[in-house]
Amino acid sequence: MQISTSYLFDRASKQMVSIQNDLAKSQQEIAAQKQVLNPSDAPNQAASITRLKSVIARQDTYTKALSQVQGRLDSESANLSNASEVLVRIKELAIQANNASQGEVSRRAIATEMKGLRDQLLSVANSTDAGGNFIFSGSKVNTQAFTENDRGVVEYTGDQTRMNVAVGEQRTLPLNRPGTNAFVRVVRNGEGVGFFTAIDDLIKGVNDGNRSLMQRGLTEVDTLHGGVVVAQADVGTDMKVVEQQGAVVEDTKLSLSVALSQVEDLDMTTAVTNMQKLMLSLEAAQSTFAKTSQMSLFKYLG
């Protein structure tokens, strides 16, 4: 069977172009250090890469949410610790004032100090986070948690709603804490009395030398302090959960990153070796093409 020069020419030309295309693709993969440059090159692999990147991005969102919760918990912890110390000092002063040896002048001096501590507590209860949001207002973060009316009575003006944020697959954590969960009410004769009203009544008892009010107030301060301590314990528990969940998210991200690397990243050693083989093949193809292009039908038949 006779083979025409044009057939050999076309075959050599197509072979050279094919190798050139493969070499160009190999060089692009090495430059990008990626296995898949275009989704159409490997649809299933490209779909896996997209899915893994999406899941990793979601883990990054969880990490940011955990950081936000941690910042909020840090603020709560610091303020509750402050409140606890102030309440301990208020009780110490109340015990001192309830001593029979105290005179009127000294009791009133003690009441004055207690009033200053009460105002400090109110400031703590109305503290804000780094973003200017009130920490103990529930979901009403732009509303002051406790407000003092014209009669000097402090009322809770936040709400009881707790906002949850996603920090993992099927896992959420509360972002805020209602003020009444920390600055609790006391019960008198079956009726609830506000945190600051109980303190104000104690201060009044000290100022007036009313031992009955002082004795009741000492008992109620223990209740108020207990509420703050319980809130501190809750914050500590939440902090531990944040730490544990953070570790879970980081482990998940690491596993996903390894999986993504396996389907997306290029094995550079193998890729360079393949490129070198293609370069040798191209040189051979170019040599063949050059010889074929110089051939005539007579030279080939001869």
Protein backbone atom coordinates (compact mmCIF):
# COMPACT_ATOMS: atom_id res chain seq x y z
CA MET A 1 0.00 0.00 0.00
CA GLN A 2 1.33 3.40 -0.96
CA ILE A 3 1.40 6.14 1.67
CA SER A 4 1.32 9.68 0.39
CA THR A 5 3.70 12.37 1.62
CA SER A 6 0.73 14.52 2.60
CA TYR A 7 -0.57 11.77 4.91
CA LEU A 8 2.77 11.52 6.67
CA PHE A 9 2.94 15.29 6.87
CA ASP A 10 -0.54 15.56 8.41
CA ARG A 11 0.15 12.79 10.89
CA ALA A 12 3.43 14.33 12.02
CA SER A 13 1.80 17.75 12.25
CA LYS A 14 -1.11 16.48 14.37
CA GLN A 15 1.23 14.56 16.64
CA MET A 16 3.38 17.62 17.22
CA VAL A 17 0.38 19.86 17.93
CA SER A 18 -1.03 17.28 20.37
CA ILE A 19 2.26 17.10 22.25
CA GLN A 20 2.52 20.89 22.28
CA ASN A 21 -0.96 21.13 23.80
CA ASP A 22 -0.14 18.52 26.44
CA LEU A 23 3.12 20.32 27.24
CA ALA A 24 1.38 23.68 27.52
CA LYS A 25 -1.19 22.18 29.87
CA SER A 26 1.53 20.54 31.94
CA GLN A 27 3.39 23.85 32.23
CA GLN A 28 0.19 25.64 33.27
CA GLU A 29 -0.52 23.01 35.93
CA ILE A 30 3.00 23.38 37.30
CA ALA A 31 2.70 27.17 37.33
CA ALA A 32 -0.62 26.96 39.20
CA GLN A 33 0.44 23.89 41.21
CA LYS A 34 -3.08 22.54 40.64
CA GLN A 35 -4.32 19.28 39.14
CA VAL A 36 -7.43 20.80 37.55
CA LEU A 37 -7.20 24.09 35.67
CA ASN A 38 -10.69 24.04 34.13
CA PRO A 39 -13.78 22.24 35.52
CA SER A 40 -14.41 20.77 32.07
CA ASP A 41 -11.08 18.93 32.25
CA ALA A 42 -12.27 16.74 35.14
CA PRO A 43 -15.91 17.47 36.10
CA ASN A 44 -16.13 14.99 38.98
CA GLN A 45 -12.82 16.09 40.47
CA ALA A 46 -13.76 19.75 40.04
CA ALA A 47 -17.07 19.10 41.82
CA SER A 48 -15.23 17.50 44.75
CA ILE A 49 -12.90 20.49 44.97
CA THR A 50 -15.82 22.91 45.00
CA ARG A 51 -17.64 20.91 47.67
CA LEU A 52 -14.58 20.70 49.93
CA LYS A 53 -13.87 24.41 49.60
CA SER A 54 -17.47 25.17 50.52
CA VAL A 55 -17.28 23.04 53.66
CA ILE A 56 -13.95 24.61 54.65
CA ALA A 57 -15.45 28.08 54.18
CA ARG A 58 -18.29 27.07 56.49
CA GLN A 59 -15.75 25.96 59.11
CA ASP A 60 -14.10 29.38 58.83
CA THR A 61 -17.49 30.92 59.59
CA TYR A 62 -17.76 28.76 62.70
CA THR A 63 -14.30 29.88 63.79
CA LYS A 64 -15.34 33.53 63.51
CA ALA A 65 -18.55 32.84 65.43
CA LEU A 66 -16.60 31.11 68.20
CA SER A 67 -14.26 34.08 68.41
CA GLN A 68 -17.28 36.38 68.74
CA VAL A 69 -18.79 34.23 71.49
CA GLN A 70 -15.44 34.04 73.29
CA GLY A 71 -15.09 37.82 73.25
CA ARG A 72 -18.56 38.19 74.68
CA LEU A 73 -17.87 35.60 77.39
CA ASP A 74 -14.63 37.34 78.32
CA SER A 75 -16.56 40.57 78.85
CA GLU A 76 -19.25 38.82 80.88
CA SER A 77 -16.69 37.03 83.02
CA ALA A 78 -14.74 40.20 83.82
CA ASN A 79 -17.87 42.15 84.74
CA LEU A 80 -19.39 39.37 86.82
CA SER A 81 -16.12 38.99 88.69
CA ASN A 82 -16.22 42.71 89.42
CA ALA A 83 -19.85 42.48 90.56
CA SER A 84 -19.00 39.56 92.86
CA GLU A 85 -16.22 41.51 94.55
CA VAL A 86 -18.47 44.54 95.02
CA LEU A 87 -21.21 42.44 96.61
CA VAL A 88 -18.72 40.86 99.00
CA ARG A 89 -17.65 44.35 100.07
CA ILE A 90 -21.29 45.46 100.48
CA LYS A 91 -21.92 42.50 102.78
CA GLU A 92 -18.81 43.29 104.81
CA LEU A 93 -20.00 46.86 105.28
CA ALA A 94 -23.53 45.72 106.19
CA ILE A 95 -22.16 43.38 108.85
CA GLN A 96 -20.02 46.20 110.17
CA ALA A 97 -23.01 48.57 110.25
CA ASN A 98 -25.19 45.98 112.00
CA ASN A 99 -22.79 45.93 114.96
CA ALA A 100 -24.41 47.46 118.05
CA SER A 101 -21.28 49.48 118.73
CA GLN A 102 -21.71 51.57 115.58
CA GLY A 103 -22.89 55.12 116.06
CA GLU A 104 -25.15 57.11 113.76
CA VAL A 105 -22.33 59.04 112.09
CA SER A 106 -20.28 55.94 111.31
CA ARG A 107 -23.36 54.07 110.01
CA ARG A 108 -24.18 56.90 107.63
CA ALA A 109 -20.58 56.95 106.44
CA ILE A 110 -20.88 53.23 105.77
CA ALA A 111 -24.18 53.83 103.95
CA THR A 112 -22.47 56.44 101.78
CA GLU A 113 -19.76 53.94 100.78
CA MET A 114 -22.42 51.32 100.10
CA LYS A 115 -24.28 53.77 97.85
CA GLY A 116 -21.10 54.27 95.85
CA LEU A 117 -20.70 50.52 95.52
CA ARG A 118 -24.35 50.22 94.45
CA ASP A 119 -23.73 52.77 91.69
CA GLN A 120 -20.65 50.80 90.66
CA LEU A 121 -22.79 47.68 90.39
CA LEU A 122 -25.28 49.53 88.20
CA SER A 123 -22.44 50.60 85.94
CA VAL A 124 -21.23 46.99 85.72
CA ALA A 125 -24.75 45.75 84.91
CA ASN A 126 -24.93 48.33 82.10
CA SER A 127 -21.48 47.55 80.70
CA THR A 128 -20.95 47.16 76.95
CA ASP A 129 -18.71 45.01 74.80
CA ALA A 130 -16.08 46.18 72.31
CA GLY A 131 -18.83 46.82 69.76
CA GLY A 132 -20.80 49.08 72.09
CA ASN A 133 -23.54 46.48 72.67
CA PHE A 134 -24.99 46.17 76.15
CA ILE A 135 -23.83 42.82 77.56
CA PHE A 136 -26.71 42.08 79.91
CA SER A 137 -29.71 43.34 77.89
CA GLY A 138 -30.68 40.02 76.33
CA SER A 139 -31.35 40.52 72.63
CA LYS A 140 -31.95 44.27 73.07
CA VAL A 141 -28.26 44.99 72.72
CA ASN A 142 -28.84 48.67 71.90
CA THR A 143 -30.93 49.23 75.05
CA GLN A 144 -29.40 49.88 78.46
CA ALA A 145 -29.95 46.81 80.63
CA PHE A 146 -30.97 48.57 83.85
CA THR A 147 -32.55 52.01 84.01
CA GLU A 148 -33.14 54.18 87.08
CA ASN A 149 -36.48 56.01 87.00
CA ASP A 150 -37.39 59.39 88.53
CA ARG A 151 -38.15 57.72 91.87
CA GLY A 152 -34.68 56.19 92.01
CA VAL A 153 -35.98 52.69 91.35
CA VAL A 154 -33.82 50.60 89.02
CA GLU A 155 -35.73 48.43 86.56
CA TYR A 156 -34.57 45.87 84.03
CA THR A 157 -35.19 47.23 80.52
CA GLY A 158 -33.66 44.41 78.50
CA ASP A 159 -35.45 41.19 77.55
CA GLN A 160 -35.13 37.47 78.28
CA THR A 161 -34.26 36.40 74.75
CA ARG A 162 -31.01 34.53 74.16
CA MET A 163 -29.57 34.70 70.65
CA ASN A 164 -27.81 31.58 69.39
CA VAL A 165 -25.11 31.40 66.73
CA ALA A 166 -23.98 28.36 64.76
CA VAL A 167 -20.52 27.20 65.81
CA GLY A 168 -20.50 23.80 64.12
CA GLU A 169 -22.57 21.31 62.18
CA GLN A 170 -25.78 20.99 64.24
CA ARG A 171 -24.16 22.96 67.11
CA THR A 172 -25.13 26.40 68.42
CA LEU A 173 -24.09 28.53 71.40
CA PRO A 174 -25.80 31.49 73.09
CA LEU A 175 -24.26 34.86 72.25
CA ASN A 176 -25.88 36.92 74.99
CA ARG A 177 -27.12 36.72 78.57
CA PRO A 178 -30.24 38.39 80.02
CA GLY A 179 -29.37 40.65 82.94
CA THR A 180 -31.87 38.99 85.24
CA ASN A 181 -29.93 35.72 84.86
CA ALA A 182 -27.01 37.32 86.69
CA PHE A 183 -28.51 40.20 88.65
CA VAL A 184 -31.31 38.12 90.13
CA ARG A 185 -34.41 39.09 92.05
CA VAL A 186 -35.14 38.11 95.65
CA VAL A 187 -38.45 36.86 96.98
CA ARG A 188 -40.22 38.65 99.82
CA ASN A 189 -43.52 37.21 101.01
CA GLY A 190 -44.03 35.52 97.68
CA GLU A 191 -43.26 38.64 95.65
CA GLY A 192 -40.18 39.24 93.51
CA VAL A 193 -38.02 42.25 94.36
CA GLY A 194 -35.42 43.60 91.93
CA PHE A 195 -31.67 43.23 92.47
CA PHE A 196 -31.03 46.94 92.98
CA THR A 197 -34.19 47.49 95.05
CA ALA A 198 -32.92 44.89 97.52
CA ILE A 199 -29.58 46.70 97.76
CA ASP A 200 -31.25 50.11 98.10
CA ASP A 201 -33.43 48.80 100.93
CA LEU A 202 -30.34 47.48 102.70
CA ILE A 203 -28.59 50.82 102.35
CA LYS A 204 -31.68 52.55 103.73
CA GLY A 205 -31.64 50.20 106.72
CA VAL A 206 -27.99 51.03 107.37
CA ASN A 207 -28.55 54.76 106.95
CA ASP A 208 -31.58 54.72 109.29
CA GLY A 209 -30.12 52.27 111.78
CA ASN A 210 -33.00 49.87 111.13
CA ARG A 211 -31.66 46.49 112.27
CA SER A 212 -34.61 44.60 110.86
CA LEU A 213 -33.90 45.95 107.36
CA MET A 214 -30.19 45.33 107.82
CA GLN A 215 -30.72 41.72 108.88
CA ARG A 216 -33.09 41.04 105.99
CA GLY A 217 -30.69 42.79 103.60
CA LEU A 218 -27.76 40.63 104.72
CA THR A 219 -29.75 37.51 103.88
CA GLU A 220 -30.79 38.97 100.52
CA VAL A 221 -27.22 39.98 99.64
CA ASP A 222 -26.28 36.31 99.92
CA THR A 223 -29.01 35.53 97.39
CA LEU A 224 -27.84 38.32 95.08
CA HIS A 225 -24.24 37.17 95.32
CA GLY A 226 -25.32 33.58 94.71
CA GLY A 227 -26.99 34.64 91.46
CA VAL A 228 -23.80 36.31 90.26
CA VAL A 229 -21.72 33.27 91.24
CA VAL A 230 -24.05 30.92 89.34
CA ALA A 231 -23.81 33.22 86.29
CA GLN A 232 -20.01 33.11 86.58
CA ALA A 233 -20.14 29.32 86.64
CA ASP A 234 -22.36 29.32 83.54
CA VAL A 235 -19.90 31.59 81.76
CA GLY A 236 -17.04 29.29 82.73
CA THR A 237 -18.93 26.30 81.35
CA ASP A 238 -19.65 28.14 78.10
CA MET A 239 -15.97 29.08 77.82
CA LYS A 240 -15.01 25.42 78.12
CA VAL A 241 -17.53 24.52 75.42
CA VAL A 242 -16.10 27.23 73.15
CA GLU A 243 -12.60 25.86 73.69
CA GLN A 244 -13.67 22.29 72.94
CA GLN A 245 -15.75 23.25 69.93
CA GLY A 246 -12.87 25.36 68.62
CA ALA A 247 -10.64 22.28 68.73
CA VAL A 248 -13.30 20.25 66.89
CA VAL A 249 -13.59 22.88 64.16
CA GLU A 250 -9.80 23.13 63.75
CA ASP A 251 -9.49 19.33 63.50
CA THR A 252 -12.27 19.30 60.90
CA LYS A 253 -10.59 22.05 58.89
CA LEU A 254 -7.30 20.14 58.96
CA SER A 255 -8.92 16.94 57.71
CA LEU A 256 -10.76 18.79 54.98
CA SER A 257 -7.61 20.65 53.94
CA VAL A 258 -5.74 17.36 53.59
CA ALA A 259 -8.57 15.94 51.50
CA LEU A 260 -8.64 19.07 49.34
CA SER A 261 -4.90 18.92 48.81
CA GLN A 262 -5.17 15.33 47.58
CA VAL A 263 -7.70 16.21 44.87
CA GLU A 264 -6.51 19.71 44.02
CA ASP A 265 -2.76 20.13 44.61
CA LEU A 266 -0.28 18.93 42.03
CA ASP A 267 2.39 16.32 42.75
CA MET A 268 5.27 18.50 41.61
CA THR A 269 7.81 15.68 41.25
CA THR A 270 5.53 13.65 39.02
CA ALA A 271 4.43 16.74 37.10
CA VAL A 272 7.99 17.90 36.35
CA THR A 273 8.98 14.39 35.25
CA ASN A 274 5.97 14.25 32.94
CA MET A 275 6.79 17.70 31.52
CA GLN A 276 10.35 16.61 30.77
CA LYS A 277 9.04 13.53 28.95
CA LEU A 278 6.71 15.70 26.91
CA MET A 279 9.58 18.03 26.01
CA LEU A 280 11.61 15.07 24.74
CA SER A 281 8.59 13.79 22.82
CA LEU A 282 8.11 17.22 21.29
CA GLU A 283 11.72 17.38 20.20
CA ALA A 284 11.35 13.98 18.53
CA ALA A 285 8.07 15.02 16.91
CA GLN A 286 9.60 18.26 15.64
CA SER A 287 12.51 16.32 14.15
CA THR A 288 10.15 13.91 12.46
CA PHE A 289 8.02 16.77 11.18
CA ALA A 290 11.06 18.55 9.76
CA LYS A 291 12.17 15.44 7.90
CA THR A 292 8.68 14.73 6.63
CA SER A 293 8.17 18.27 5.39
CA GLN A 294 11.35 18.01 3.28
CA MET A 295 10.27 14.79 1.67
CA SER A 296 8.88 14.50 -1.86
CA LEU A 297 6.88 11.64 -3.18
CA PHE A 298 9.84 10.58 -5.38
CA LYS A 299 12.25 10.59 -2.40
CA TYR A 300 9.83 8.53 -0.37
CA LEU A 301 9.28 5.99 -3.23
CA GLY A 302 12.96 5.85 -3.99
